[in-house]
Amino acid sequence: MTALDGATRADLLEIIDDRAGQRATIITSQLPIEHWHAWIGDATIADAILDRLMQQNHRFTLTGDSLRQAQKLPKKEAKPD
């Protein structure tokens, strides 16, 4: 992922600002929040976005093995007839 450009930063802030305190917003990301400042690319806008998102939130951090990895299922043994 690369940093957001100026227009995208402004659009994201506008969307988050319009929804803050009025509507639910669900955001999913593999990027930890502590890396959002670098991803957004502007500390002031990043602070504004995170401030609005973190006022009232429910945060879930998933742990464990990735479900994307192919899980090998045990082979079923053929039953004799």
N, C-alpha and C. Protein backbone atom coordinates (compact mmCIF):
# COMPACT_ATOMS: atom_id res chain seq x y z
N MET A 1 0.84 -1.18 0.00
CA MET A 1 0.00 0.00 0.00
C MET A 1 0.89 1.25 0.00
N THR A 2 0.49 2.19 -0.79
CA THR A 2 1.22 3.45 -0.83
C THR A 2 0.39 4.53 -0.15
N ALA A 3 1.05 5.62 0.18
CA ALA A 3 0.37 6.74 0.83
C ALA A 3 -0.72 7.30 -0.10
N LEU A 4 -1.75 7.85 0.50
CA LEU A 4 -2.85 8.43 -0.27
C LEU A 4 -2.42 9.75 -0.89
N ASP A 5 -2.97 10.05 -2.06
CA ASP A 5 -2.69 11.36 -2.64
C ASP A 5 -3.61 12.40 -2.01
N GLY A 6 -3.36 13.66 -2.28
CA GLY A 6 -4.08 14.75 -1.63
C GLY A 6 -5.59 14.71 -1.83
N ALA A 7 -6.02 14.43 -3.06
CA ALA A 7 -7.46 14.39 -3.34
C ALA A 7 -8.14 13.25 -2.61
N THR A 8 -7.49 12.10 -2.56
CA THR A 8 -8.05 10.94 -1.87
C THR A 8 -8.13 11.18 -0.37
N ARG A 9 -7.08 11.81 0.18
CA ARG A 9 -7.11 12.17 1.62
C ARG A 9 -8.28 13.07 1.93
N ALA A 10 -8.48 14.09 1.10
CA ALA A 10 -9.57 15.04 1.32
C ALA A 10 -10.93 14.34 1.20
N ASP A 11 -11.08 13.46 0.22
CA ASP A 11 -12.34 12.73 0.04
C ASP A 11 -12.62 11.83 1.23
N LEU A 12 -11.61 11.11 1.70
CA LEU A 12 -11.78 10.21 2.84
C LEU A 12 -12.18 11.00 4.09
N LEU A 13 -11.51 12.12 4.33
CA LEU A 13 -11.85 12.95 5.48
C LEU A 13 -13.28 13.47 5.38
N GLU A 14 -13.69 13.88 4.19
CA GLU A 14 -15.04 14.39 4.01
C GLU A 14 -16.09 13.31 4.29
N ILE A 15 -15.85 12.11 3.80
CA ILE A 15 -16.79 11.01 4.03
C ILE A 15 -16.88 10.69 5.52
N ILE A 16 -15.73 10.56 6.17
CA ILE A 16 -15.71 10.23 7.60
C ILE A 16 -16.35 11.36 8.40
N ASP A 17 -16.05 12.60 8.04
CA ASP A 17 -16.61 13.75 8.75
C ASP A 17 -18.13 13.81 8.61
N ASP A 18 -18.65 13.54 7.42
CA ASP A 18 -20.10 13.56 7.20
C ASP A 18 -20.82 12.48 8.01
N ARG A 19 -20.17 11.35 8.21
CA ARG A 19 -20.81 10.22 8.90
C ARG A 19 -20.60 10.26 10.41
N ALA A 20 -19.59 10.95 10.87
CA ALA A 20 -19.24 10.95 12.30
C ALA A 20 -20.42 11.37 13.16
N GLY A 21 -20.77 10.53 14.12
CA GLY A 21 -21.83 10.83 15.07
C GLY A 21 -23.24 10.70 14.53
N GLN A 22 -23.38 10.37 13.24
CA GLN A 22 -24.71 10.27 12.65
C GLN A 22 -25.02 8.89 12.10
N ARG A 23 -24.01 8.23 11.57
CA ARG A 23 -24.21 6.93 10.93
C ARG A 23 -23.08 5.99 11.33
N ALA A 24 -23.41 4.71 11.25
CA ALA A 24 -22.39 3.71 11.52
C ALA A 24 -21.45 3.60 10.32
N THR A 25 -20.19 3.42 10.61
CA THR A 25 -19.20 3.23 9.57
C THR A 25 -18.36 2.02 9.93
N ILE A 26 -18.27 1.08 9.03
CA ILE A 26 -17.47 -0.12 9.27
C ILE A 26 -16.23 -0.03 8.39
N ILE A 27 -15.09 -0.16 9.02
CA ILE A 27 -13.82 -0.13 8.31
C ILE A 27 -13.06 -1.40 8.66
N THR A 28 -12.62 -2.10 7.65
CA THR A 28 -11.78 -3.27 7.88
C THR A 28 -10.42 -3.01 7.24
N SER A 29 -9.40 -3.47 7.90
CA SER A 29 -8.06 -3.23 7.38
C SER A 29 -7.08 -4.22 7.97
N GLN A 30 -6.12 -4.60 7.18
CA GLN A 30 -5.02 -5.40 7.68
C GLN A 30 -3.89 -4.51 8.19
N LEU A 31 -4.01 -3.22 7.94
CA LEU A 31 -2.99 -2.26 8.36
C LEU A 31 -3.31 -1.79 9.78
N PRO A 32 -2.41 -2.04 10.73
CA PRO A 32 -2.67 -1.59 12.10
C PRO A 32 -2.83 -0.08 12.17
N ILE A 33 -3.65 0.38 13.10
CA ILE A 33 -3.95 1.80 13.23
C ILE A 33 -2.68 2.63 13.44
N GLU A 34 -1.71 2.08 14.13
CA GLU A 34 -0.48 2.85 14.38
C GLU A 34 0.30 3.14 13.09
N HIS A 35 -0.06 2.51 11.97
CA HIS A 35 0.58 2.77 10.68
C HIS A 35 -0.26 3.67 9.78
N TRP A 36 -1.43 4.09 10.24
CA TRP A 36 -2.32 4.89 9.41
C TRP A 36 -1.75 6.27 9.09
N HIS A 37 -1.00 6.87 9.99
CA HIS A 37 -0.43 8.20 9.70
C HIS A 37 0.47 8.13 8.47
N ALA A 38 1.30 7.11 8.40
CA ALA A 38 2.19 6.97 7.24
C ALA A 38 1.39 6.66 5.98
N TRP A 39 0.35 5.85 6.09
CA TRP A 39 -0.47 5.49 4.93
C TRP A 39 -1.26 6.69 4.42
N ILE A 40 -1.85 7.44 5.33
CA ILE A 40 -2.64 8.61 4.92
C ILE A 40 -1.71 9.68 4.34
N GLY A 41 -0.52 9.82 4.91
CA GLY A 41 0.48 10.70 4.31
C GLY A 41 0.45 12.14 4.76
N ASP A 42 -0.45 12.50 5.66
CA ASP A 42 -0.52 13.86 6.20
C ASP A 42 -0.97 13.73 7.64
N ALA A 43 -0.10 14.10 8.56
CA ALA A 43 -0.37 13.88 9.99
C ALA A 43 -1.62 14.61 10.47
N THR A 44 -1.86 15.81 9.98
CA THR A 44 -3.02 16.59 10.42
C THR A 44 -4.32 15.92 9.98
N ILE A 45 -4.37 15.50 8.72
CA ILE A 45 -5.58 14.83 8.22
C ILE A 45 -5.74 13.47 8.87
N ALA A 46 -4.65 12.76 9.09
CA ALA A 46 -4.72 11.47 9.76
C ALA A 46 -5.28 11.63 11.17
N ASP A 47 -4.82 12.64 11.89
CA ASP A 47 -5.35 12.91 13.23
C ASP A 47 -6.84 13.21 13.19
N ALA A 48 -7.28 13.99 12.20
CA ALA A 48 -8.69 14.34 12.08
C ALA A 48 -9.54 13.11 11.78
N ILE A 49 -9.08 12.27 10.88
CA ILE A 49 -9.81 11.04 10.54
C ILE A 49 -9.89 10.11 11.74
N LEU A 50 -8.75 9.86 12.37
CA LEU A 50 -8.73 8.95 13.51
C LEU A 50 -9.51 9.49 14.69
N ASP A 51 -9.50 10.81 14.88
CA ASP A 51 -10.28 11.41 15.96
C ASP A 51 -11.76 11.13 15.76
N ARG A 52 -12.24 11.29 14.55
CA ARG A 52 -13.66 11.05 14.27
C ARG A 52 -14.01 9.57 14.37
N LEU A 53 -13.12 8.71 13.90
CA LEU A 53 -13.40 7.27 13.94
C LEU A 53 -13.34 6.70 15.35
N MET A 54 -12.48 7.25 16.19
CA MET A 54 -12.25 6.65 17.50
C MET A 54 -13.10 7.25 18.61
N GLN A 55 -13.98 8.19 18.30
CA GLN A 55 -14.83 8.77 19.34
C GLN A 55 -15.76 7.72 19.93
N GLN A 56 -16.44 7.00 19.10
CA GLN A 56 -17.32 5.92 19.54
C GLN A 56 -17.03 4.74 18.63
N ASN A 57 -16.34 3.75 19.16
CA ASN A 57 -15.98 2.64 18.29
C ASN A 57 -16.00 1.32 19.05
N HIS A 58 -16.11 0.29 18.29
CA HIS A 58 -15.93 -1.08 18.77
C HIS A 58 -14.82 -1.64 17.90
N ARG A 59 -13.73 -1.97 18.51
CA ARG A 59 -12.57 -2.41 17.76
C ARG A 59 -12.31 -3.88 18.04
N PHE A 60 -12.17 -4.63 16.98
CA PHE A 60 -11.88 -6.05 17.08
C PHE A 60 -10.53 -6.31 16.42
N THR A 61 -9.66 -6.96 17.16
CA THR A 61 -8.37 -7.35 16.61
C THR A 61 -8.36 -8.87 16.56
N LEU A 62 -8.28 -9.39 15.37
CA LEU A 62 -8.29 -10.84 15.19
C LEU A 62 -6.88 -11.38 15.32
N THR A 63 -6.78 -12.51 15.96
CA THR A 63 -5.49 -13.17 16.10
C THR A 63 -5.64 -14.62 15.64
N GLY A 64 -4.53 -15.26 15.50
CA GLY A 64 -4.56 -16.67 15.12
C GLY A 64 -4.08 -16.85 13.70
N ASP A 65 -4.16 -18.08 13.26
CA ASP A 65 -3.71 -18.43 11.92
C ASP A 65 -4.65 -17.85 10.87
N SER A 66 -4.10 -17.53 9.74
CA SER A 66 -4.88 -17.02 8.64
C SER A 66 -5.79 -18.11 8.08
N LEU A 67 -7.03 -17.75 7.79
CA LEU A 67 -7.94 -18.69 7.18
C LEU A 67 -7.74 -18.75 5.67
N ARG A 68 -6.91 -17.89 5.15
CA ARG A 68 -6.61 -17.91 3.72
C ARG A 68 -5.68 -19.05 3.35
N GLN A 69 -4.94 -19.52 4.30
CA GLN A 69 -4.04 -20.62 4.01
C GLN A 69 -4.87 -21.86 3.72
N ALA A 70 -4.44 -22.61 2.75
CA ALA A 70 -5.16 -23.84 2.42
C ALA A 70 -5.04 -24.79 3.60
N GLN A 71 -6.19 -25.14 4.12
CA GLN A 71 -6.18 -26.07 5.24
C GLN A 71 -6.39 -27.47 4.69
N LYS A 72 -5.49 -28.33 5.04
CA LYS A 72 -5.58 -29.70 4.57
C LYS A 72 -6.54 -30.46 5.47
N LEU A 73 -7.56 -30.99 4.84
CA LEU A 73 -8.52 -31.79 5.58
C LEU A 73 -8.06 -33.24 5.56
N PRO A 74 -8.26 -33.94 6.65
CA PRO A 74 -7.86 -35.34 6.66
C PRO A 74 -8.67 -36.12 5.63
N LYS A 75 -7.99 -37.02 4.92
CA LYS A 75 -8.68 -37.82 3.93
C LYS A 75 -9.54 -38.85 4.62
N LYS A 76 -10.73 -39.03 4.09
CA LYS A 76 -11.62 -40.05 4.62
C LYS A 76 -11.19 -41.40 4.09
N GLU A 77 -11.16 -42.33 4.97
CA GLU A 77 -10.79 -43.69 4.55
C GLU A 77 -12.00 -44.34 3.94
N ALA A 78 -11.76 -45.05 2.86
CA ALA A 78 -12.85 -45.76 2.18
C ALA A 78 -13.31 -46.91 3.05
N LYS A 79 -14.62 -47.06 3.17
CA LYS A 79 -15.16 -48.16 3.96
C LYS A 79 -15.26 -49.39 3.07
N PRO A 80 -14.84 -50.52 3.61
CA PRO A 80 -14.95 -51.75 2.81
C PRO A 80 -16.43 -52.11 2.63
N ASP A 81 -16.76 -52.65 1.44
CA ASP A 81 -18.15 -53.05 1.16
C ASP A 81 -18.50 -54.34 1.83
